[in-house]
Protein backbone atom coordinates (compact mmCIF):
# COMPACT_ATOMS: atom_id res chain seq x y z
CA UNK A 1 73.25 -74.94 -78.75
CA UNK A 2 75.46 -75.06 -76.07
CA UNK A 3 73.89 -77.20 -72.65
CA UNK A 4 73.40 -73.54 -71.39
CA UNK A 5 71.13 -72.11 -74.25
CA UNK A 6 69.49 -75.59 -74.34
CA UNK A 7 68.15 -75.29 -70.18
CA UNK A 8 66.86 -71.80 -71.19
CA UNK A 9 64.86 -72.57 -74.31
CA UNK A 10 63.94 -75.14 -72.35
CA UNK A 11 62.99 -72.98 -68.93
CA UNK A 12 61.14 -70.27 -71.43
CA UNK A 13 58.64 -74.00 -72.72
CA UNK A 14 58.16 -75.02 -69.17
CA UNK A 15 56.60 -71.27 -68.03
CA UNK A 16 54.88 -71.36 -71.31
CA UNK A 17 53.31 -74.29 -70.83
CA UNK A 18 52.16 -73.25 -66.90
CA UNK A 19 50.98 -69.56 -68.34
CA UNK A 20 48.74 -71.62 -70.99
CA UNK A 21 47.59 -74.03 -68.46
CA UNK A 22 46.52 -71.53 -65.99
CA UNK A 23 45.47 -68.90 -68.44
CA UNK A 24 43.12 -72.04 -69.45
CA UNK A 25 42.34 -73.16 -65.38
CA UNK A 26 41.00 -69.72 -64.54
CA UNK A 27 39.39 -69.49 -67.64
CA UNK A 28 36.97 -72.89 -67.26
CA UNK A 29 37.34 -71.52 -63.20
CA UNK A 30 35.22 -68.01 -64.81
CA UNK A 31 33.10 -70.13 -67.18
CA UNK A 32 31.99 -72.81 -64.40
CA UNK A 33 31.12 -69.79 -61.65
CA UNK A 34 29.43 -67.95 -64.21
CA UNK A 35 26.95 -71.06 -64.77
CA UNK A 36 26.57 -71.77 -61.10
CA UNK A 37 25.63 -67.72 -60.55
CA UNK A 38 23.15 -68.25 -63.47
CA UNK A 39 21.63 -71.64 -61.93
CA UNK A 40 21.53 -69.84 -58.47
CA UNK A 41 20.46 -66.69 -60.06
CA UNK A 42 18.02 -68.98 -61.51
CA UNK A 43 16.80 -70.31 -58.36
CA UNK A 44 17.32 -67.36 -55.73
CA UNK A 45 15.13 -64.75 -58.44
CA UNK A 46 12.26 -67.29 -59.68
CA UNK A 47 10.27 -65.22 -63.19
CA UNK A 48 7.22 -64.12 -63.48
CA UNK A 49 4.90 -64.90 -65.97
CA UNK A 50 1.14 -63.05 -66.31
CA UNK A 51 -1.74 -65.53 -66.02
CA UNK A 52 -4.80 -63.76 -66.96
CA UNK A 53 -7.36 -66.76 -65.33
CA UNK A 54 -11.31 -64.61 -65.61
CA UNK A 55 -11.94 -66.76 -62.38
CA UNK A 56 -10.24 -64.86 -59.78
CA UNK A 57 -8.15 -61.41 -59.40
CA UNK A 58 -6.27 -62.60 -56.40
CA UNK A 59 -2.77 -61.80 -55.55
CA UNK A 60 -0.65 -64.61 -55.61
CA UNK A 61 0.97 -64.19 -51.87
CA UNK A 62 -0.68 -66.86 -49.95
CA UNK A 63 0.35 -70.02 -48.36
CA UNK A 64 0.43 -72.38 -51.37
CA UNK A 65 1.90 -69.64 -54.48
CA UNK A 66 4.50 -69.32 -52.58
CA UNK A 67 5.31 -73.04 -51.74
CA UNK A 68 4.48 -73.40 -56.00
CA UNK A 69 7.03 -70.52 -56.29
CA UNK A 70 9.43 -72.57 -53.98
CA UNK A 71 9.50 -75.36 -55.87
CA UNK A 72 8.90 -74.09 -59.56
CA UNK A 73 11.20 -70.98 -59.83
CA UNK A 74 8.24 -69.38 -60.94
CA UNK A 75 5.50 -67.30 -59.52
CA UNK A 76 3.01 -65.51 -61.72
CA UNK A 77 1.10 -62.06 -61.64
CA UNK A 78 -2.56 -62.55 -61.57
CA UNK A 79 -4.92 -60.78 -64.13
CA UNK A 80 -8.21 -59.98 -63.91
CA UNK A 81 -10.71 -57.27 -64.90
CA UNK A 82 -12.91 -56.18 -62.72
CA UNK A 83 -15.47 -56.32 -65.75
CA UNK A 84 -16.56 -58.36 -67.82
CA UNK A 85 -13.67 -61.46 -69.20
CA UNK A 86 -14.87 -61.79 -72.21
CA UNK A 87 -14.76 -57.86 -73.07
CA UNK A 88 -11.22 -58.34 -72.04
CA UNK A 89 -10.47 -60.81 -73.55
CA UNK A 90 -11.77 -59.55 -76.96
CA UNK A 91 -9.34 -56.74 -76.64
CA UNK A 92 -6.21 -58.37 -75.61
CA UNK A 93 -6.77 -60.35 -78.55
CA UNK A 94 -7.36 -57.77 -80.56
CA UNK A 95 -4.00 -55.38 -79.25
CA UNK A 96 -1.69 -58.13 -79.14
CA UNK A 97 -1.73 -57.08 -75.36
CA UNK A 98 -1.19 -60.56 -73.98
CA UNK A 99 -0.81 -62.48 -70.91
CA UNK A 100 2.05 -64.96 -70.66
CA UNK A 101 -0.74 -67.83 -69.85
CA UNK A 102 -4.45 -67.80 -70.27
CA UNK A 103 -7.16 -69.18 -68.67
CA UNK A 104 -10.87 -68.61 -70.47
CA UNK A 105 -14.24 -70.33 -71.32
CA UNK A 106 -12.99 -73.60 -72.90
CA UNK A 107 -16.50 -74.08 -75.09
CA UNK A 108 -16.00 -70.19 -76.01
CA UNK A 109 -16.22 -69.12 -79.78
CA UNK A 110 -12.85 -67.05 -78.82
CA UNK A 111 -11.05 -70.09 -77.87
CA UNK A 112 -10.75 -71.12 -81.79
CA UNK A 113 -10.19 -67.77 -82.15
CA UNK A 114 -7.44 -67.55 -80.87
CA UNK A 115 -5.74 -70.80 -81.99
CA UNK A 116 -6.24 -69.08 -85.53
CA UNK A 117 -4.71 -65.46 -84.69
CA UNK A 118 -1.43 -68.02 -83.34
CA UNK A 119 -2.13 -66.27 -80.13
CA UNK A 120 -2.01 -69.35 -79.08
CA UNK A 121 0.86 -72.15 -79.76
CA UNK A 122 0.89 -75.54 -79.86
CA UNK A 123 1.54 -77.43 -77.05
CA UNK A 124 2.40 -80.79 -78.35
CA UNK A 125 6.46 -79.80 -78.75
CA UNK A 126 6.81 -78.99 -75.20
CA UNK A 127 4.86 -81.63 -73.56
CA UNK A 128 6.98 -84.68 -75.00
CA UNK A 129 10.05 -82.96 -73.92
CA UNK A 130 8.27 -81.21 -70.45
CA UNK A 131 4.76 -83.10 -70.22
CA UNK A 132 5.16 -86.52 -68.64
CA UNK A 133 3.20 -85.66 -65.79
CA UNK A 134 0.54 -83.75 -68.23
CA UNK A 135 0.86 -87.41 -70.89
CA UNK A 136 0.06 -89.77 -67.50
CA UNK A 137 -3.23 -87.52 -65.49
CA UNK A 138 -4.42 -86.76 -68.56
CA UNK A 139 -3.98 -89.79 -71.11
CA UNK A 140 -7.09 -89.83 -73.54
CA UNK A 141 -8.72 -86.07 -72.67
CA UNK A 142 -5.15 -85.09 -74.82
CA UNK A 143 -6.49 -86.53 -78.12
CA UNK A 144 -9.71 -84.86 -77.56
CA UNK A 145 -9.50 -81.57 -76.96
CA UNK A 146 -6.71 -81.39 -80.74
CA UNK A 147 -8.20 -78.32 -82.95
CA UNK A 148 -9.08 -79.46 -86.73
CA UNK A 149 -5.08 -79.31 -87.58
CA UNK A 150 -4.68 -82.07 -84.67
CA UNK A 151 -2.37 -80.04 -83.11
CA UNK A 152 -3.19 -79.55 -78.30
CA UNK A 153 -3.23 -75.26 -77.83
CA UNK A 154 -4.96 -75.57 -74.84
CA UNK A 155 -5.14 -78.15 -71.63
CA UNK A 156 -8.56 -78.97 -70.00
CA UNK A 157 -9.12 -77.78 -67.14
CA UNK A 158 -11.92 -80.07 -64.58
CA UNK A 159 -11.21 -83.01 -67.09
CA UNK A 160 -12.37 -86.01 -66.57
CA UNK A 161 -15.62 -87.70 -66.53
CA UNK A 162 -17.07 -87.77 -62.63
CA UNK A 163 -19.65 -89.92 -61.14
CA UNK A 164 -21.07 -86.86 -59.73
CA UNK A 165 -24.40 -86.10 -60.32
CA UNK A 166 -25.95 -82.68 -61.12
CA UNK A 167 -30.01 -82.46 -61.67
CA UNK A 168 -32.38 -82.77 -59.97
CA UNK A 169 -35.85 -82.15 -59.36
CA UNK A 170 -35.11 -80.70 -55.90
CA UNK A 171 -38.18 -81.44 -53.11
CA UNK A 172 -38.36 -79.69 -49.86
CA UNK A 173 -37.40 -83.69 -47.43
CA UNK A 174 -39.58 -82.27 -44.63
CA UNK A 175 -42.40 -81.42 -46.89
CA UNK A 176 -42.15 -84.68 -48.80
CA UNK A 177 -42.38 -86.90 -44.59
CA UNK A 178 -45.79 -84.38 -43.97
CA UNK A 179 -47.49 -85.57 -47.98
CA UNK A 180 -46.59 -89.27 -46.83
CA UNK A 181 -43.96 -90.28 -49.11
CA UNK A 182 -41.39 -90.37 -46.22
CA UNK A 183 -39.88 -93.67 -47.25
CA UNK A 184 -38.88 -91.92 -50.18
CA UNK A 185 -37.49 -89.39 -49.24
CA UNK A 186 -33.84 -91.15 -48.18
CA UNK A 187 -33.62 -94.38 -50.23
CA UNK A 188 -32.96 -93.51 -53.61
CA UNK A 189 -35.79 -95.34 -55.00
CA UNK A 190 -36.98 -92.92 -57.80
CA UNK A 191 -40.33 -91.05 -58.59
CA UNK A 192 -42.42 -91.34 -61.37
CA UNK A 193 -43.92 -88.17 -63.51
CA UNK A 194 -47.46 -89.66 -62.13
CA UNK A 195 -46.37 -89.19 -58.12
CA UNK A 196 -44.18 -86.00 -59.35
CA UNK A 197 -47.55 -84.73 -60.39
CA UNK A 198 -49.69 -85.76 -56.91
CA UNK A 199 -46.82 -84.80 -55.03
CA UNK A 200 -47.59 -80.84 -56.30
CA UNK A 201 -51.29 -81.14 -56.30
CA UNK A 202 -51.34 -82.38 -53.12
CA UNK A 203 -49.60 -80.21 -51.18
CA UNK A 204 -50.99 -77.34 -52.66
CA UNK A 205 -54.13 -78.25 -51.80
CA UNK A 206 -53.51 -79.17 -48.30
CA UNK A 207 -51.27 -75.59 -47.67
CA UNK A 208 -52.74 -73.62 -49.50
CA UNK A 209 -50.91 -70.50 -47.97
CA UNK A 210 -47.79 -70.68 -45.07
CA UNK A 211 -45.71 -68.05 -43.25
CA UNK A 212 -48.52 -65.72 -44.62
CA UNK A 213 -48.13 -66.32 -47.88
CA UNK A 214 -50.17 -67.83 -50.90
CA UNK A 215 -47.84 -71.73 -51.32
CA UNK A 216 -46.12 -72.35 -54.12
CA UNK A 217 -46.01 -76.20 -55.44
CA UNK A 218 -43.19 -75.34 -58.03
CA UNK A 219 -40.95 -72.00 -59.16
CA UNK A 220 -38.76 -71.73 -61.85
CA UNK A 221 -35.30 -69.37 -61.98
CA UNK A 222 -36.89 -67.98 -65.38
CA UNK A 223 -32.72 -66.64 -65.13
CA UNK A 224 -31.10 -70.04 -65.28
CA UNK A 225 -33.95 -71.12 -68.12
CA UNK A 226 -31.65 -73.57 -69.91
CA UNK A 227 -30.33 -75.80 -66.88
CA UNK A 228 -34.39 -75.97 -65.91
CA UNK A 229 -35.23 -76.99 -69.28
CA UNK A 230 -32.32 -79.26 -69.22
CA UNK A 231 -33.34 -80.96 -65.99
CA UNK A 232 -37.10 -81.38 -67.23
CA UNK A 233 -35.21 -83.30 -70.37
CA UNK A 234 -33.94 -85.41 -68.33
CA UNK A 235 -36.98 -87.15 -67.46
CA UNK A 236 -37.83 -88.29 -70.35
CA UNK A 237 -33.84 -89.49 -70.91
CA UNK A 238 -33.02 -86.75 -73.89
CA UNK A 239 -29.76 -85.72 -74.04
CA UNK A 240 -28.12 -82.16 -76.07
CA UNK A 241 -29.22 -83.26 -79.68
CA UNK A 242 -32.08 -85.87 -81.46
CA UNK A 243 -30.47 -88.53 -83.00
CA UNK A 244 -32.62 -89.75 -86.25
CA UNK A 245 -31.14 -92.34 -88.68
CA UNK A 246 -28.07 -91.09 -87.68
CA UNK A 247 -28.20 -87.75 -88.15
CA UNK A 248 -28.30 -84.83 -84.98
CA UNK A 249 -31.38 -82.86 -85.10
CA UNK A 250 -32.28 -79.52 -82.45
CA UNK A 251 -33.81 -81.88 -79.48
CA UNK A 252 -37.31 -80.05 -79.89
CA UNK A 253 -37.55 -81.59 -83.05
CA UNK A 254 -37.36 -84.96 -80.91
CA UNK A 255 -41.40 -85.76 -80.04
CA UNK A 256 -40.34 -86.15 -76.85
CA UNK A 257 -39.76 -82.77 -76.33
CA UNK A 258 -43.34 -81.78 -77.13
CA UNK A 259 -44.26 -84.30 -74.01
CA UNK A 260 -42.22 -81.80 -72.27
CA UNK A 261 -43.32 -79.36 -72.84
CA UNK A 262 -47.17 -80.06 -72.89
CA UNK A 263 -46.50 -81.52 -69.19
CA UNK A 264 -45.16 -78.43 -67.83
CA UNK A 265 -48.00 -76.57 -69.26
CA UNK A 266 -49.81 -78.99 -67.57
CA UNK A 267 -48.61 -77.86 -64.19
CA UNK A 268 -49.01 -74.54 -65.13
CA UNK A 269 -52.43 -74.02 -65.85
CA UNK A 270 -53.41 -76.02 -62.78
CA UNK A 271 -51.68 -73.78 -60.82
CA UNK A 272 -48.74 -75.92 -59.52
CA UNK A 273 -46.12 -73.18 -61.10
CA UNK A 274 -45.27 -70.07 -59.97
CA UNK A 275 -47.60 -68.42 -61.96
CA UNK A 276 -44.14 -65.19 -61.90
CA UNK A 277 -41.90 -67.84 -63.12
CA UNK A 278 -41.60 -65.85 -65.99
CA UNK A 279 -39.77 -63.15 -64.39
CA UNK A 280 -38.15 -64.95 -62.11
CA UNK A 281 -34.32 -63.75 -61.30
CA UNK A 282 -31.74 -65.21 -58.99
CA UNK A 283 -32.36 -63.61 -56.61
CA UNK A 284 -36.39 -63.47 -56.15
CA UNK A 285 -36.33 -67.00 -57.30
CA UNK A 286 -33.55 -67.40 -53.90
CA UNK A 287 -36.93 -65.18 -51.83
CA UNK A 288 -39.78 -67.65 -52.16
CA UNK A 289 -37.61 -70.41 -51.49
CA UNK A 290 -36.26 -68.94 -48.19
CA UNK A 291 -39.62 -67.77 -47.29
CA UNK A 292 -40.50 -71.06 -46.81
CA UNK A 293 -43.91 -71.53 -48.60
CA UNK A 294 -42.28 -73.38 -52.22
CA UNK A 295 -41.69 -76.48 -51.71
CA UNK A 296 -40.13 -77.89 -55.09
CA UNK A 297 -37.52 -76.45 -57.69
CA UNK A 298 -35.48 -77.65 -60.62
CA UNK A 299 -31.67 -77.39 -61.26
CA UNK A 300 -28.11 -78.48 -60.17
CA UNK A 301 -28.39 -80.03 -56.29
CA UNK A 302 -26.03 -77.34 -55.46
CA UNK A 303 -28.33 -74.74 -57.20
CA UNK A 304 -30.60 -74.15 -53.69
CA UNK A 305 -27.63 -74.05 -51.48
CA UNK A 306 -28.10 -69.99 -50.42
CA UNK A 307 -31.69 -70.96 -49.93
CA UNK A 308 -31.18 -74.28 -47.95
CA UNK A 309 -29.03 -72.72 -45.14
CA UNK A 310 -31.75 -70.08 -44.52
CA UNK A 311 -34.19 -72.69 -44.47
CA UNK A 312 -32.26 -75.40 -41.82
CA UNK A 313 -31.63 -72.50 -39.36
CA UNK A 314 -34.75 -70.98 -39.70
CA UNK A 315 -36.20 -72.59 -36.58
CA UNK A 316 -33.83 -71.54 -34.04
CA UNK A 317 -31.95 -75.42 -33.77
CA UNK A 318 -31.14 -76.56 -37.38
CA UNK A 319 -33.19 -79.05 -39.53
CA UNK A 320 -31.70 -80.32 -41.91
CA UNK A 321 -34.19 -82.11 -43.08
CA UNK A 322 -36.04 -78.68 -43.84
CA UNK A 323 -34.12 -78.21 -47.18
CA UNK A 324 -34.53 -78.99 -50.69
CA UNK A 325 -33.09 -81.58 -51.87
CA UNK A 326 -32.65 -84.08 -55.73
CA UNK A 327 -34.13 -86.65 -56.70
CA UNK A 328 -34.99 -88.45 -59.14
CA UNK A 329 -38.37 -88.07 -61.51
CA UNK A 330 -38.85 -90.91 -64.49
CA UNK A 331 -40.95 -89.46 -67.37
CA UNK A 332 -43.71 -92.15 -68.68
CA UNK A 333 -43.08 -94.79 -70.36
CA UNK A 334 -39.36 -94.24 -69.53
CA UNK A 335 -37.46 -96.71 -67.15
CA UNK A 336 -35.65 -94.65 -64.23
CA UNK A 337 -32.21 -95.72 -65.09
CA UNK A 338 -32.24 -94.24 -68.53
CA UNK A 339 -32.68 -90.90 -67.25
CA UNK A 340 -30.55 -87.99 -68.16
CA UNK A 341 -30.43 -86.17 -65.37
CA UNK A 342 -26.08 -85.64 -65.46
CA UNK A 343 -25.27 -83.85 -67.84
CA UNK A 344 -21.38 -83.14 -67.99
CA UNK A 345 -18.55 -82.88 -70.26
CA UNK A 346 -14.89 -84.65 -69.57
CA UNK A 347 -12.98 -82.29 -71.31
CA UNK A 348 -13.93 -79.95 -68.43
CA UNK A 349 -14.80 -76.03 -68.49
CA UNK A 350 -12.09 -74.27 -69.00
CA UNK A 351 -9.09 -74.23 -71.45
CA UNK A 352 -5.75 -72.69 -69.89
CA UNK A 353 -3.11 -71.55 -73.24
CA UNK A 354 0.44 -70.48 -73.34
CA UNK A 355 0.39 -67.44 -75.85
CA UNK A 356 2.35 -66.46 -78.15
CA UNK A 357 3.87 -63.64 -75.68
CA UNK A 358 5.57 -66.24 -73.70
CA UNK A 359 9.66 -65.37 -73.62
CA UNK A 360 9.45 -68.75 -71.32
CA UNK A 361 7.75 -71.84 -73.30
CA UNK A 362 9.55 -74.19 -71.56
CA UNK A 363 10.07 -73.01 -68.78
CA UNK A 364 6.12 -72.71 -68.30
CA UNK A 365 5.04 -75.84 -69.14
CA UNK A 366 8.03 -77.04 -66.52
CA UNK A 367 5.78 -75.54 -64.13
CA UNK A 368 2.15 -75.81 -65.10
CA UNK A 369 3.83 -79.77 -65.50
CA UNK A 370 4.29 -80.49 -61.93
CA UNK A 371 0.92 -78.31 -61.27
CA UNK A 372 -1.21 -81.06 -63.53
CA UNK A 373 1.07 -83.76 -61.36
CA UNK A 374 -0.73 -86.09 -58.67
CA UNK A 375 1.73 -83.76 -56.67
CA UNK A 376 0.48 -80.21 -58.23
CA UNK A 377 -3.22 -81.36 -57.45
CA UNK A 378 -3.26 -81.84 -53.76
CA UNK A 379 -1.36 -79.10 -53.27
CA UNK A 380 -3.54 -76.13 -55.59
CA UNK A 381 -6.47 -78.27 -53.99
CA UNK A 382 -5.12 -79.67 -49.89
CA UNK A 383 -2.03 -77.16 -49.28
CA UNK A 384 0.63 -77.77 -47.69
CA UNK A 385 1.59 -81.54 -46.47
CA UNK A 386 2.02 -81.42 -42.91
CA UNK A 387 0.70 -78.13 -42.47
CA UNK A 388 -2.19 -78.63 -44.43
CA UNK A 389 -2.85 -82.48 -44.67
CA UNK A 390 -0.19 -85.00 -43.74
CA UNK A 391 0.25 -89.25 -44.80
CA UNK A 392 -2.18 -91.23 -42.42
CA UNK A 393 -2.32 -95.36 -43.52
CA UNK A 394 -1.78 -94.79 -46.76
CA UNK A 395 -3.99 -91.89 -47.33
CA UNK A 396 -3.94 -88.19 -47.22
CA UNK A 397 -5.97 -87.01 -44.45
CA UNK A 398 -6.90 -83.06 -43.89
CA UNK A 399 -5.68 -81.73 -40.00
CA UNK A 400 -7.79 -81.35 -37.76
CA UNK A 401 -9.84 -78.01 -38.43
CA UNK A 402 -8.92 -77.61 -41.86
CA UNK A 403 -11.73 -78.47 -43.37
CA UNK A 404 -14.04 -76.79 -40.65
CA UNK A 405 -11.79 -73.21 -41.04
CA UNK A 406 -12.42 -73.48 -44.46
CA UNK A 407 -16.10 -73.40 -44.77
CA UNK A 408 -16.53 -71.53 -41.67
CA UNK A 409 -13.76 -68.75 -42.43
CA UNK A 410 -13.07 -67.32 -45.66
CA UNK A 411 -9.81 -65.61 -43.92
CA UNK A 412 -8.33 -69.22 -44.00
CA UNK A 413 -9.30 -69.76 -47.27
CA UNK A 414 -7.71 -66.73 -48.62
CA UNK A 415 -4.41 -66.86 -46.67
CA UNK A 416 -3.86 -70.25 -47.04
CA UNK A 417 -4.76 -70.70 -50.76
CA UNK A 418 -6.21 -73.69 -50.27
CA UNK A 419 -8.32 -74.54 -53.48
CA UNK A 420 -7.38 -70.90 -54.62
CA UNK A 421 -5.73 -71.77 -58.18
CA UNK A 422 -8.12 -74.02 -59.40
CA UNK A 423 -5.52 -74.69 -62.73
CA UNK A 424 -5.14 -77.99 -64.61
CA UNK A 425 -7.54 -80.05 -62.33
CA UNK A 426 -8.21 -83.41 -62.80
CA UNK A 427 -11.82 -84.38 -61.50
CA UNK A 428 -11.89 -87.63 -59.03
CA UNK A 429 -9.54 -89.00 -56.69
CA UNK A 430 -5.90 -89.52 -56.62
CA UNK A 431 -3.46 -92.76 -56.71
CA UNK A 432 -4.92 -93.52 -52.56
CA UNK A 433 -8.24 -93.25 -53.43
CA UNK A 434 -8.53 -89.71 -51.83
CA UNK A 435 -10.19 -87.01 -53.90
CA UNK A 436 -7.94 -84.21 -55.47
CA UNK A 437 -11.24 -81.72 -54.51
CA UNK A 438 -10.63 -81.43 -50.10
CA UNK A 439 -13.40 -79.03 -49.84
CA UNK A 440 -16.03 -80.41 -52.42
CA UNK A 441 -15.77 -83.95 -52.40
CA UNK A 442 -13.41 -85.66 -48.82
CA UNK A 443 -17.17 -84.97 -46.74
CA UNK A 444 -20.32 -84.74 -48.49
CA UNK A 445 -23.61 -82.99 -47.04
CA UNK A 446 -26.55 -84.12 -46.38
CA UNK A 447 -27.54 -82.53 -49.78
CA UNK A 448 -24.52 -84.07 -51.71
CA UNK A 449 -24.85 -87.67 -50.11
CA UNK A 450 -28.59 -87.76 -51.45
CA UNK A 451 -28.26 -86.44 -54.53
CA UNK A 452 -25.93 -89.17 -54.85
CA UNK A 453 -27.83 -91.48 -53.83
CA UNK A 454 -30.49 -90.67 -55.88
CA UNK A 455 -28.46 -89.49 -59.52
CA UNK A 456 -25.10 -90.75 -59.61
CA UNK A 457 -26.63 -92.93 -62.18
CA UNK A 458 -28.06 -90.64 -64.60
CA UNK A 459 -23.88 -88.72 -65.03
CA UNK A 460 -23.47 -89.49 -69.02
CA UNK A 461 -20.42 -87.00 -70.97
CA UNK A 462 -21.71 -84.58 -73.34
CA UNK A 463 -18.30 -83.96 -74.84
CA UNK A 464 -18.95 -85.59 -78.32
CA UNK A 465 -21.54 -83.13 -77.89
CA UNK A 466 -20.04 -80.05 -77.21
CA UNK A 467 -19.64 -76.51 -79.59
CA UNK A 468 -20.38 -78.18 -82.84
CA UNK A 469 -22.38 -75.16 -84.41
CA UNK A 470 -21.81 -72.98 -86.82
CA UNK A 471 -18.27 -70.96 -86.43
CA UNK A 472 -18.81 -67.06 -85.74
CA UNK A 473 -19.18 -64.49 -88.61
CA UNK A 474 -20.33 -67.70 -91.17
CA UNK A 475 -23.83 -67.53 -92.63
CA UNK A 476 -25.00 -70.50 -90.54
CA UNK A 477 -24.08 -69.12 -87.68
CA UNK A 478 -26.61 -66.20 -87.97
CA UNK A 479 -29.42 -68.49 -88.98
CA UNK A 480 -28.21 -70.88 -85.59
CA UNK A 481 -28.90 -66.80 -83.51
CA UNK A 482 -31.91 -67.13 -85.12
CA UNK A 483 -32.87 -70.57 -83.98
CA UNK A 484 -31.99 -69.73 -80.64
CA UNK A 485 -33.84 -66.47 -80.98
CA UNK A 486 -37.11 -68.42 -81.35
CA UNK A 487 -36.63 -71.13 -79.69
CA UNK A 488 -36.15 -68.81 -76.77
CA UNK A 489 -38.92 -66.35 -77.12
CA UNK A 490 -41.66 -69.66 -78.06
CA UNK A 491 -41.22 -71.92 -74.93
CA UNK A 492 -42.36 -69.48 -72.23
CA UNK A 493 -45.09 -69.20 -74.59
CA UNK A 494 -45.72 -72.55 -75.14
CA UNK A 495 -46.02 -73.05 -71.57
CA UNK A 496 -48.03 -70.58 -69.92
CA UNK A 497 -50.85 -71.28 -72.66
CA UNK A 498 -53.93 -71.13 -71.56
CA UNK A 499 -55.67 -75.05 -72.67
CA UNK A 500 -52.75 -77.64 -74.66
CA UNK A 501 -54.64 -77.42 -77.62
CA UNK A 502 -52.94 -73.55 -77.57
CA UNK A 503 -49.81 -74.89 -76.74
CA UNK A 504 -49.07 -77.89 -79.07
CA UNK A 505 -50.66 -74.99 -82.17
CA UNK A 506 -47.67 -73.01 -80.64
CA UNK A 507 -45.38 -75.87 -81.38
CA UNK A 508 -46.24 -76.60 -84.68
CA UNK A 509 -45.94 -73.08 -85.68
CA UNK A 510 -42.38 -73.41 -83.81
CA UNK A 511 -40.58 -75.86 -86.07
CA UNK A 512 -42.52 -74.14 -88.94
CA UNK A 513 -40.59 -70.85 -87.78
CA UNK A 514 -37.31 -72.67 -87.39
CA UNK A 515 -37.52 -74.77 -91.34
CA UNK A 516 -37.46 -71.02 -92.45
CA UNK A 517 -34.67 -68.95 -91.32
CA UNK A 518 -32.57 -71.96 -92.12
CA UNK A 519 -32.88 -74.85 -89.27
CA UNK A 520 -32.25 -77.84 -91.54
CA UNK A 521 -28.63 -75.54 -93.18
CA UNK A 522 -27.84 -75.74 -89.11
CA UNK A 523 -28.45 -79.12 -88.48
CA UNK A 524 -25.89 -80.14 -91.93
CA UNK A 525 -23.25 -78.40 -90.54
CA UNK A 526 -23.19 -79.02 -87.13
CA UNK A 527 -23.38 -82.60 -88.53
CA UNK A 528 -20.42 -81.99 -90.51
CA UNK A 529 -18.45 -80.58 -87.56
CA UNK A 530 -19.99 -83.96 -85.45
CA UNK A 531 -18.61 -86.42 -88.33
CA UNK A 532 -15.22 -84.26 -87.85
CA UNK A 533 -15.01 -84.53 -84.12
CA UNK A 534 -15.20 -88.26 -84.39
CA UNK A 535 -13.14 -88.87 -87.60
CA UNK A 536 -10.39 -86.61 -85.12
CA UNK A 537 -10.95 -88.34 -81.72
CA UNK A 538 -10.53 -91.86 -83.15
């Protein structure tokens, strides 16, 4: 080959190399452009996840919602029926037409049905990869919410044991002062059962009528009888079950339970309990509290809020003493420190899970991890930094008038989104000591302040006893329902008995009937589940 031929060949070889490099560069440029476009698409066009939340049906378009989408690239389409959420959840499970995320009652057997059907996916691998905040915030709660196979299928909502009181013996503060116990209305000192009985009796004698009505020393909301009985149980220091020789038994088998029923019966027989209590619906109960002729009731310290708002303004000028406040009453032989008025589950109210229909589980866990983080909690519950709150002296502080506007203007709460999306909520305070729940815990009103002073030390964790009953559809489940029906129908009769002897006879008859319908078999299942839970939680 001559020199000319060699140069020609070299020129062709160089052209080929340059062409190849150019093509490769073009391919590389195209690939990078496509990746950038994809990233831009993810950032500019958020994905939409359907979210069934039994607690709200609002459109996800308020200020907090938009901020969540801005920070996570996710927006939610909220699904909530106008009817019964349980019916919708059952229908979704049966049809397989599932939302991407579901929030339901944690204590419901429906959670187990969803898990057993494969409709909720296990979260453990997702949490390991994308849930660092979930791990830090939930801690041992993740261990306690595992299913029997050892996996987590949901995250608890309103979790963590907070020393917030719950139940109490609610009495009008102004009337307590008129009855001569003014020194006890605000100093945290408990009443004995005898003192409580004397107050009811003295009230009736001193005020046979008020506002043109026959007075009621004590009324009960029959629609919330479970809460009322649990309040009375608090006087005797009873919990969810009666622990006897290391075994769990139904609380009605505790001798203290009979003492409690006989005490309530005595109040009824002496005309100190509303004679219509057994038919009181919530509306009628509220009316009796609001009209100013009722001295006491029982239940959660916030149960009388509707009546309190009426009472304190009934004289024209606001009178905060003319309200129902929560007090501790200890039964005979029970140390006041052993009362159990504060049943709370550290595992929360709701279960939130990712369903098998979700096409973006990784992205979903990423947004969950943000919402569950301390930053996410303050966004959900306080609103947007700089607009609704700021950091002052190292602590979260609401902007001027935010709390007042939230409490007084429903439109403000709706438009801002403050405390609208209550998801993955942790009870208690953040690292700076301010509570996550701005509107509920940042400032306590007079009712809450007294409740904390009187009853904060009565709080106990129910979670070890929660949902130990037989699984739905089992023979023991049917027995359990019969047990509940007998108890529910007999207790009002015991309370309304005309003599103590009649009350005792009905109580003994009830225990015998419970044995006949299979109480022992139900308790066997409860103890098996209890042992399984203890082993799982270890």
